[in-house]
């Protein structure tokens, strides 16, 4: 049985926002069990079956709009017909009920965005590279609703205590926004970076609600995939749609 973590936010119950765990699929180690990624070395038949189970058990209204994620700031808008190909992008927006947004993660931060009435939705794959290059801001610019109508949920990602980076990454991030210096803690010769805090700083004053950010994909190994922890591993699905 597939298990999920759902967003707890002040958005209509018609909006479904969730992250899968490792449970409920057919993939074997090191991808066990519910890997949804085709690019990590898992058996194609296993991934296909995992995706089929995802659609069936979650009762998705349409097939998810998968992306070819490249740690970029690429953004796609999804209309009535859904995606007809596999675009290189790391964020998606829709104002069409029934269109299912999806991104895959295994440490990077999934950022769910929705208006309170569910008329506009966006989902972002926010790694540090994407956030440096403004992917969260690009997603926000797609919305026509005023800021106080937009709600954000930060899904499971690697926590600060588990995410060690060098001077090069820190310098690049705070070079774009000096405020982000507060999202780093010195650790021996390196730094520990807080993706959740960087996202909150980029969202501050631009949305009406920010929640989530209380999991760690690295330490919660029974629940989540983590590229930083395991290297060769699977990916969780993060899904967002309005019924």
C-alpha atoms as a PDB file:
ATOM      1  CA  UNK A   1       0.000   0.000   0.000  1.00  0.00           C
ATOM      2  CA  UNK A   2       1.300   3.431  -0.964  1.00  0.00           C
ATOM      3  CA  UNK A   3       1.697   5.820   1.966  1.00  0.00           C
ATOM      4  CA  UNK A   4       1.994   9.588   1.676  1.00  0.00           C
ATOM      5  CA  UNK A   5       2.560  12.787   3.611  1.00  0.00           C
ATOM      6  CA  UNK A   6      -0.061  15.439   2.875  1.00  0.00           C
ATOM      7  CA  UNK A   7       0.145  19.205   3.073  1.00  0.00           C
ATOM      8  CA  UNK A   8      -1.502  20.813   6.094  1.00  0.00           C
ATOM      9  CA  UNK A   9      -2.411  24.262   4.834  1.00  0.00           C
ATOM     10  CA  UNK A  10      -5.421  26.619   4.558  1.00  0.00           C
ATOM     11  CA  UNK A  11      -6.336  25.555   1.026  1.00  0.00           C
ATOM     12  CA  UNK A  12      -9.633  24.066  -0.158  1.00  0.00           C
ATOM     13  CA  UNK A  13      -9.938  20.307   0.334  1.00  0.00           C
ATOM     14  CA  UNK A  14     -10.391  20.005  -3.436  1.00  0.00           C
ATOM     15  CA  UNK A  15      -6.638  20.491  -3.715  1.00  0.00           C
ATOM     16  CA  UNK A  16      -4.500  17.399  -3.185  1.00  0.00           C
ATOM     17  CA  UNK A  17      -0.855  17.978  -2.238  1.00  0.00           C
ATOM     18  CA  UNK A  18       1.263  15.042  -1.155  1.00  0.00           C
ATOM     19  CA  UNK A  19       4.647  13.335  -1.121  1.00  0.00           C
ATOM     20  CA  UNK A  20       5.034   9.575  -1.431  1.00  0.00           C
ATOM     21  CA  UNK A  21       7.257   7.489   0.823  1.00  0.00           C
ATOM     22  CA  UNK A  22       9.338   4.474  -0.174  1.00  0.00           C
ATOM     23  CA  UNK A  23       6.472   2.069   0.596  1.00  0.00           C
ATOM     24  CA  UNK A  24       4.072   0.344  -1.749  1.00  0.00           C
ATOM     25  CA  UNK A  25       6.085  -0.395  -4.874  1.00  0.00           C
ATOM     26  CA  UNK A  26       7.858  -3.314  -6.537  1.00  0.00           C
ATOM     27  CA  UNK A  27      11.406  -1.982  -6.959  1.00  0.00           C
ATOM     28  CA  UNK A  28      14.179  -3.895  -5.192  1.00  0.00           C
ATOM     29  CA  UNK A  29      17.301  -2.635  -3.413  1.00  0.00           C
ATOM     30  CA  UNK A  30      18.770  -0.057  -3.748  1.00  0.00           C
ATOM     31  CA  UNK A  31      15.566   1.392  -5.238  1.00  0.00           C
ATOM     32  CA  UNK A  32      13.057  -0.295  -2.939  1.00  0.00           C
ATOM     33  CA  UNK A  33      10.183   0.075  -3.114  1.00  0.00           C
ATOM     34  CA  UNK A  34       8.246   2.905  -4.777  1.00  0.00           C
ATOM     35  CA  UNK A  35      10.854   4.476  -7.050  1.00  0.00           C
ATOM     36  CA  UNK A  36       9.162   6.576  -9.753  1.00  0.00           C
ATOM     37  CA  UNK A  37      12.283   7.716 -11.630  1.00  0.00           C
ATOM     38  CA  UNK A  38      13.324   6.246 -14.967  1.00  0.00           C
ATOM     39  CA  UNK A  39      16.838   7.755 -14.964  1.00  0.00           C
ATOM     40  CA  UNK A  40      18.402   6.180 -11.846  1.00  0.00           C
ATOM     41  CA  UNK A  41      19.146   2.650 -13.101  1.00  0.00           C
ATOM     42  CA  UNK A  42      16.031   0.876 -11.852  1.00  0.00           C
ATOM     43  CA  UNK A  43      14.317  -1.745 -14.010  1.00  0.00           C
ATOM     44  CA  UNK A  44      11.968   0.029 -16.454  1.00  0.00           C
ATOM     45  CA  UNK A  45       9.216  -2.517 -15.808  1.00  0.00           C
ATOM     46  CA  UNK A  46       9.408  -1.844 -12.066  1.00  0.00           C
ATOM     47  CA  UNK A  47       9.166   1.914 -12.545  1.00  0.00           C
ATOM     48  CA  UNK A  48       6.235   1.468 -14.912  1.00  0.00           C
ATOM     49  CA  UNK A  49       4.409  -0.673 -12.359  1.00  0.00           C
ATOM     50  CA  UNK A  50       5.177   1.805  -9.570  1.00  0.00           C
ATOM     51  CA  UNK A  51       3.741   4.650 -11.628  1.00  0.00           C
ATOM     52  CA  UNK A  52       0.678   2.557 -12.466  1.00  0.00           C
ATOM     53  CA  UNK A  53       0.089   1.893  -8.771  1.00  0.00           C
ATOM     54  CA  UNK A  54       0.541   5.571  -8.049  1.00  0.00           C
ATOM     55  CA  UNK A  55      -2.199   6.547 -10.488  1.00  0.00           C
ATOM     56  CA  UNK A  56      -4.530   3.762  -9.398  1.00  0.00           C
ATOM     57  CA  UNK A  57      -4.206   3.952  -5.617  1.00  0.00           C
ATOM     58  CA  UNK A  58      -4.224   7.746  -5.445  1.00  0.00           C
ATOM     59  CA  UNK A  59      -7.117   7.854  -7.926  1.00  0.00           C
ATOM     60  CA  UNK A  60      -5.424  10.477 -10.067  1.00  0.00           C
ATOM     61  CA  UNK A  61      -7.825  12.183 -12.504  1.00  0.00           C
ATOM     62  CA  UNK A  62      -5.231  12.180 -15.313  1.00  0.00           C
ATOM     63  CA  UNK A  63      -1.728  10.852 -15.853  1.00  0.00           C
ATOM     64  CA  UNK A  64       0.849  13.015 -14.054  1.00  0.00           C
ATOM     65  CA  UNK A  65       2.694  15.621 -16.110  1.00  0.00           C
ATOM     66  CA  UNK A  66       6.247  14.322 -15.671  1.00  0.00           C
ATOM     67  CA  UNK A  67       9.227  16.605 -16.261  1.00  0.00           C
ATOM     68  CA  UNK A  68      12.833  16.004 -17.245  1.00  0.00           C
ATOM     69  CA  UNK A  69      14.384  17.677 -14.214  1.00  0.00           C
ATOM     70  CA  UNK A  70      17.778  19.332 -14.691  1.00  0.00           C
ATOM     71  CA  UNK A  71      18.302  21.446 -11.510  1.00  0.00           C
ATOM     72  CA  UNK A  72      17.463  24.507 -13.603  1.00  0.00           C
ATOM     73  CA  UNK A  73      15.031  27.399 -13.277  1.00  0.00           C
ATOM     74  CA  UNK A  74      12.977  26.074 -16.189  1.00  0.00           C
ATOM     75  CA  UNK A  75       9.206  26.502 -15.848  1.00  0.00           C
ATOM     76  CA  UNK A  76       6.273  25.102 -17.829  1.00  0.00           C
ATOM     77  CA  UNK A  77       2.603  26.106 -17.878  1.00  0.00           C
ATOM     78  CA  UNK A  78       0.201  23.193 -18.261  1.00  0.00           C
ATOM     79  CA  UNK A  79      -3.128  23.718 -20.000  1.00  0.00           C
ATOM     80  CA  UNK A  80      -6.212  21.669 -20.808  1.00  0.00           C
ATOM     81  CA  UNK A  81      -4.335  19.126 -22.929  1.00  0.00           C
ATOM     82  CA  UNK A  82      -1.540  18.455 -20.458  1.00  0.00           C
ATOM     83  CA  UNK A  83       2.052  17.959 -21.555  1.00  0.00           C
ATOM     84  CA  UNK A  84       2.562  16.193 -24.874  1.00  0.00           C
ATOM     85  CA  UNK A  85       6.289  15.617 -24.362  1.00  0.00           C
ATOM     86  CA  UNK A  86       8.877  15.494 -21.561  1.00  0.00           C
ATOM     87  CA  UNK A  87      10.178  19.066 -21.229  1.00  0.00           C
ATOM     88  CA  UNK A  88      13.399  20.031 -19.477  1.00  0.00           C
ATOM     89  CA  UNK A  89      12.011  21.932 -16.495  1.00  0.00           C
ATOM     90  CA  UNK A  90      11.993  21.965 -12.711  1.00  0.00           C
ATOM     91  CA  UNK A  91       8.685  23.684 -12.035  1.00  0.00           C
ATOM     92  CA  UNK A  92       5.154  23.568 -13.385  1.00  0.00           C
ATOM     93  CA  UNK A  93       2.047  25.747 -13.108  1.00  0.00           C
ATOM     94  CA  UNK A  94      -1.578  25.096 -13.983  1.00  0.00           C
ATOM     95  CA  UNK A  95      -4.946  26.751 -13.578  1.00  0.00           C
ATOM     96  CA  UNK A  96      -6.779  23.699 -14.908  1.00  0.00           C
ATOM     97  CA  UNK A  97      -8.581  21.382 -12.493  1.00  0.00           C
ATOM     98  CA  UNK A  98      -7.676  17.731 -13.012  1.00  0.00           C
ATOM     99  CA  UNK A  99      -4.184  18.361 -14.360  1.00  0.00           C
ATOM    100  CA  UNK A 100      -1.697  16.595 -12.077  1.00  0.00           C
ATOM    101  CA  UNK A 101       1.622  18.317 -11.411  1.00  0.00           C
ATOM    102  CA  UNK A 102       4.506  16.096 -10.335  1.00  0.00           C
ATOM    103  CA  UNK A 103       8.164  16.450  -9.446  1.00  0.00           C
ATOM    104  CA  UNK A 104      10.629  13.835  -8.206  1.00  0.00           C
ATOM    105  CA  UNK A 105      12.897  14.385  -5.209  1.00  0.00           C
ATOM    106  CA  UNK A 106      15.479  12.619  -3.056  1.00  0.00           C
ATOM    107  CA  UNK A 107      16.858  15.496  -0.912  1.00  0.00           C
ATOM    108  CA  UNK A 108      15.930  18.595  -2.930  1.00  0.00           C
ATOM    109  CA  UNK A 109      13.022  20.639  -1.634  1.00  0.00           C
ATOM    110  CA  UNK A 110       9.548  20.208  -3.138  1.00  0.00           C
ATOM    111  CA  UNK A 111       7.688  23.520  -2.917  1.00  0.00           C
ATOM    112  CA  UNK A 112       3.900  23.300  -3.264  1.00  0.00           C
ATOM    113  CA  UNK A 113       2.040  26.521  -4.103  1.00  0.00           C
ATOM    114  CA  UNK A 114      -1.723  27.016  -4.339  1.00  0.00           C
ATOM    115  CA  UNK A 115      -4.321  29.729  -4.048  1.00  0.00           C
ATOM    116  CA  UNK A 116      -6.754  29.199  -1.209  1.00  0.00           C
ATOM    117  CA  UNK A 117      -9.526  28.340  -3.666  1.00  0.00           C
ATOM    118  CA  UNK A 118      -7.282  26.046  -5.714  1.00  0.00           C
ATOM    119  CA  UNK A 119      -7.740  27.997  -8.936  1.00  0.00           C
ATOM    120  CA  UNK A 120      -3.969  28.267  -9.429  1.00  0.00           C
ATOM    121  CA  UNK A 121      -1.322  25.679  -8.579  1.00  0.00           C
ATOM    122  CA  UNK A 122       2.440  25.368  -8.959  1.00  0.00           C
ATOM    123  CA  UNK A 123       5.000  22.775  -7.935  1.00  0.00           C
ATOM    124  CA  UNK A 124       8.743  23.426  -7.751  1.00  0.00           C
ATOM    125  CA  UNK A 125      11.808  21.165  -7.575  1.00  0.00           C
ATOM    126  CA  UNK A 126      13.979  23.498  -5.496  1.00  0.00           C
ATOM    127  CA  UNK A 127      17.552  22.386  -5.064  1.00  0.00           C
ATOM    128  CA  UNK A 128      20.163  24.957  -4.160  1.00  0.00           C
ATOM    129  CA  UNK A 129      21.025  25.541  -7.825  1.00  0.00           C
ATOM    130  CA  UNK A 130      17.427  26.195  -8.759  1.00  0.00           C
ATOM    131  CA  UNK A 131      16.911  28.544  -5.828  1.00  0.00           C
ATOM    132  CA  UNK A 132      20.098  30.463  -6.653  1.00  0.00           C
ATOM    133  CA  UNK A 133      18.740  30.944 -10.166  1.00  0.00           C
ATOM    134  CA  UNK A 134      15.339  32.139  -9.003  1.00  0.00           C
ATOM    135  CA  UNK A 135      13.060  29.193  -9.678  1.00  0.00           C
ATOM    136  CA  UNK A 136      10.761  29.980  -6.740  1.00  0.00           C
ATOM    137  CA  UNK A 137      10.371  33.553  -7.946  1.00  0.00           C
ATOM    138  CA  UNK A 138       9.575  32.348 -11.454  1.00  0.00           C
ATOM    139  CA  UNK A 139       6.826  30.132 -10.078  1.00  0.00           C
ATOM    140  CA  UNK A 140       5.336  32.996  -8.084  1.00  0.00           C
ATOM    141  CA  UNK A 141       5.245  35.215 -11.165  1.00  0.00           C
ATOM    142  CA  UNK A 142       2.853  32.778 -12.855  1.00  0.00           C
ATOM    143  CA  UNK A 143       0.117  33.573 -10.321  1.00  0.00           C
ATOM    144  CA  UNK A 144      -2.536  36.183 -11.003  1.00  0.00           C
ATOM    145  CA  UNK A 145      -3.912  36.009  -7.453  1.00  0.00           C
ATOM    146  CA  UNK A 146      -2.726  38.526  -4.836  1.00  0.00           C
ATOM    147  CA  UNK A 147       0.046  37.417  -2.508  1.00  0.00           C
ATOM    148  CA  UNK A 148      -2.185  36.944   0.525  1.00  0.00           C
ATOM    149  CA  UNK A 149      -4.236  34.357  -1.384  1.00  0.00           C
ATOM    150  CA  UNK A 150      -1.197  32.156  -2.135  1.00  0.00           C
ATOM    151  CA  UNK A 151      -0.254  29.364   0.274  1.00  0.00           C
ATOM    152  CA  UNK A 152       2.988  27.373   0.315  1.00  0.00           C
ATOM    153  CA  UNK A 153       3.850  23.979   1.729  1.00  0.00           C
ATOM    154  CA  UNK A 154       7.484  22.875   2.009  1.00  0.00           C
ATOM    155  CA  UNK A 155       7.644  19.118   1.493  1.00  0.00           C
ATOM    156  CA  UNK A 156      10.260  16.633   2.744  1.00  0.00           C
ATOM    157  CA  UNK A 157      13.871  17.592   1.978  1.00  0.00           C
ATOM    158  CA  UNK A 158      17.319  17.194   3.471  1.00  0.00           C
ATOM    159  CA  UNK A 159      17.677  19.100   6.752  1.00  0.00           C
ATOM    160  CA  UNK A 160      20.408  21.549   7.670  1.00  0.00           C
ATOM    161  CA  UNK A 161      22.082  19.097  10.031  1.00  0.00           C
ATOM    162  CA  UNK A 162      22.595  16.632   7.169  1.00  0.00           C
ATOM    163  CA  UNK A 163      23.406  19.001   4.280  1.00  0.00           C
ATOM    164  CA  UNK A 164      27.099  19.856   4.263  1.00  0.00           C
ATOM    165  CA  UNK A 165      28.493  22.166   1.568  1.00  0.00           C
ATOM    166  CA  UNK A 166      31.758  23.924   0.824  1.00  0.00           C
ATOM    167  CA  UNK A 167      32.724  27.586   0.640  1.00  0.00           C
ATOM    168  CA  UNK A 168      32.036  27.585  -3.102  1.00  0.00           C
ATOM    169  CA  UNK A 169      28.347  26.766  -2.701  1.00  0.00           C
ATOM    170  CA  UNK A 170      27.860  29.141   0.228  1.00  0.00           C
ATOM    171  CA  UNK A 171      29.626  31.984  -1.573  1.00  0.00           C
ATOM    172  CA  UNK A 172      27.489  31.478  -4.665  1.00  0.00           C
ATOM    173  CA  UNK A 173      24.242  31.464  -2.696  1.00  0.00           C
ATOM    174  CA  UNK A 174      24.941  34.499  -0.516  1.00  0.00           C
ATOM    175  CA  UNK A 175      26.478  36.266  -3.509  1.00  0.00           C
ATOM    176  CA  UNK A 176      22.981  36.306  -5.008  1.00  0.00           C
ATOM    177  CA  UNK A 177      21.286  37.242  -1.730  1.00  0.00           C
ATOM    178  CA  UNK A 178      23.256  38.286   1.348  1.00  0.00           C
ATOM    179  CA  UNK A 179      20.248  37.518   3.562  1.00  0.00           C
ATOM    180  CA  UNK A 180      20.883  33.818   2.961  1.00  0.00           C
ATOM    181  CA  UNK A 181      24.034  33.967   5.120  1.00  0.00           C
ATOM    182  CA  UNK A 182      21.795  33.233   8.106  1.00  0.00           C
ATOM    183  CA  UNK A 183      20.857  29.885   6.525  1.00  0.00           C
ATOM    184  CA  UNK A 184      24.379  28.508   7.056  1.00  0.00           C
ATOM    185  CA  UNK A 185      26.099  27.097  10.132  1.00  0.00           C
ATOM    186  CA  UNK A 186      29.863  26.647  10.287  1.00  0.00           C
ATOM    187  CA  UNK A 187      30.854  22.973  10.599  1.00  0.00           C
ATOM    188  CA  UNK A 188      34.583  22.163  10.823  1.00  0.00           C
ATOM    189  CA  UNK A 189      35.997  23.259   7.431  1.00  0.00           C
ATOM    190  CA  UNK A 190      32.600  23.357   5.740  1.00  0.00           C
ATOM    191  CA  UNK A 191      29.069  24.692   6.183  1.00  0.00           C
ATOM    192  CA  UNK A 192      25.672  23.194   6.861  1.00  0.00           C
ATOM    193  CA  UNK A 193      23.017  24.704   4.617  1.00  0.00           C
ATOM    194  CA  UNK A 194      19.311  25.067   5.397  1.00  0.00           C
ATOM    195  CA  UNK A 195      17.281  24.679   2.194  1.00  0.00           C
ATOM    196  CA  UNK A 196      14.062  25.238   4.108  1.00  0.00           C
ATOM    197  CA  UNK A 197      15.279  28.586   5.448  1.00  0.00           C
ATOM    198  CA  UNK A 198      16.535  29.741   2.050  1.00  0.00           C
ATOM    199  CA  UNK A 199      13.114  28.985   0.584  1.00  0.00           C
ATOM    200  CA  UNK A 200      11.321  30.776   3.430  1.00  0.00           C
ATOM    201  CA  UNK A 201      13.488  33.849   2.907  1.00  0.00           C
ATOM    202  CA  UNK A 202      12.722  33.873  -0.814  1.00  0.00           C
ATOM    203  CA  UNK A 203       8.991  33.525  -0.113  1.00  0.00           C
ATOM    204  CA  UNK A 204       8.757  36.020   2.763  1.00  0.00           C
ATOM    205  CA  UNK A 205       6.279  38.814   2.080  1.00  0.00           C
ATOM    206  CA  UNK A 206       5.236  37.275  -1.235  1.00  0.00           C
ATOM    207  CA  UNK A 207       2.685  34.714  -0.016  1.00  0.00           C
ATOM    208  CA  UNK A 208       0.062  34.535   2.701  1.00  0.00           C
ATOM    209  CA  UNK A 209       1.048  31.240   4.344  1.00  0.00           C
ATOM    210  CA  UNK A 210       4.178  29.079   4.591  1.00  0.00           C
ATOM    211  CA  UNK A 211       4.038  25.669   6.267  1.00  0.00           C
ATOM    212  CA  UNK A 212       5.912  22.393   6.355  1.00  0.00           C
ATOM    213  CA  UNK A 213       9.660  22.017   6.424  1.00  0.00           C
ATOM    214  CA  UNK A 214       9.785  19.565   9.307  1.00  0.00           C
ATOM    215  CA  UNK A 215      11.191  16.389   7.738  1.00  0.00           C
ATOM    216  CA  UNK A 216      14.684  15.198   6.810  1.00  0.00           C
ATOM    217  CA  UNK A 217      15.050  12.855   3.863  1.00  0.00           C
ATOM    218  CA  UNK A 218      18.606  11.987   4.924  1.00  0.00           C
ATOM    219  CA  UNK A 219      17.890  10.849   8.484  1.00  0.00           C
ATOM    220  CA  UNK A 220      14.408   9.365   7.947  1.00  0.00           C
ATOM    221  CA  UNK A 221      15.790   6.486   5.902  1.00  0.00           C
ATOM    222  CA  UNK A 222      12.807   4.160   6.319  1.00  0.00           C
ATOM    223  CA  UNK A 223      10.495   6.748   4.803  1.00  0.00           C
ATOM    224  CA  UNK A 224      12.459   8.646   2.184  1.00  0.00           C
ATOM    225  CA  UNK A 225      15.037   8.294  -0.557  1.00  0.00           C
ATOM    226  CA  UNK A 226      18.194  10.383  -0.132  1.00  0.00           C
ATOM    227  CA  UNK A 227      20.797  10.867  -2.842  1.00  0.00           C
ATOM    228  CA  UNK A 228      23.218  12.426  -0.358  1.00  0.00           C
ATOM    229  CA  UNK A 229      22.919   9.396   1.941  1.00  0.00           C
ATOM    230  CA  UNK A 230      22.845   6.526  -0.558  1.00  0.00           C
ATOM    231  CA  UNK A 231      24.064   7.734  -3.946  1.00  0.00           C
ATOM    232  CA  UNK A 232      22.322   5.150  -6.109  1.00  0.00           C
ATOM    233  CA  UNK A 233      18.714   5.302  -4.977  1.00  0.00           C
ATOM    234  CA  UNK A 234      15.144   6.019  -6.033  1.00  0.00           C
ATOM    235  CA  UNK A 235      12.997   9.135  -6.088  1.00  0.00           C
ATOM    236  CA  UNK A 236       9.782  10.105  -4.319  1.00  0.00           C
ATOM    237  CA  UNK A 237       6.851  11.598  -6.196  1.00  0.00           C
ATOM    238  CA  UNK A 238       5.434  14.951  -5.129  1.00  0.00           C
ATOM    239  CA  UNK A 239       1.983  15.500  -6.601  1.00  0.00           C
ATOM    240  CA  UNK A 240      -0.383  18.465  -6.730  1.00  0.00           C
ATOM    241  CA  UNK A 241      -3.808  18.703  -8.359  1.00  0.00           C
ATOM    242  CA  UNK A 242      -7.315  20.026  -7.921  1.00  0.00           C
ATOM    243  CA  UNK A 243     -10.110  17.477  -8.078  1.00  0.00           C
END
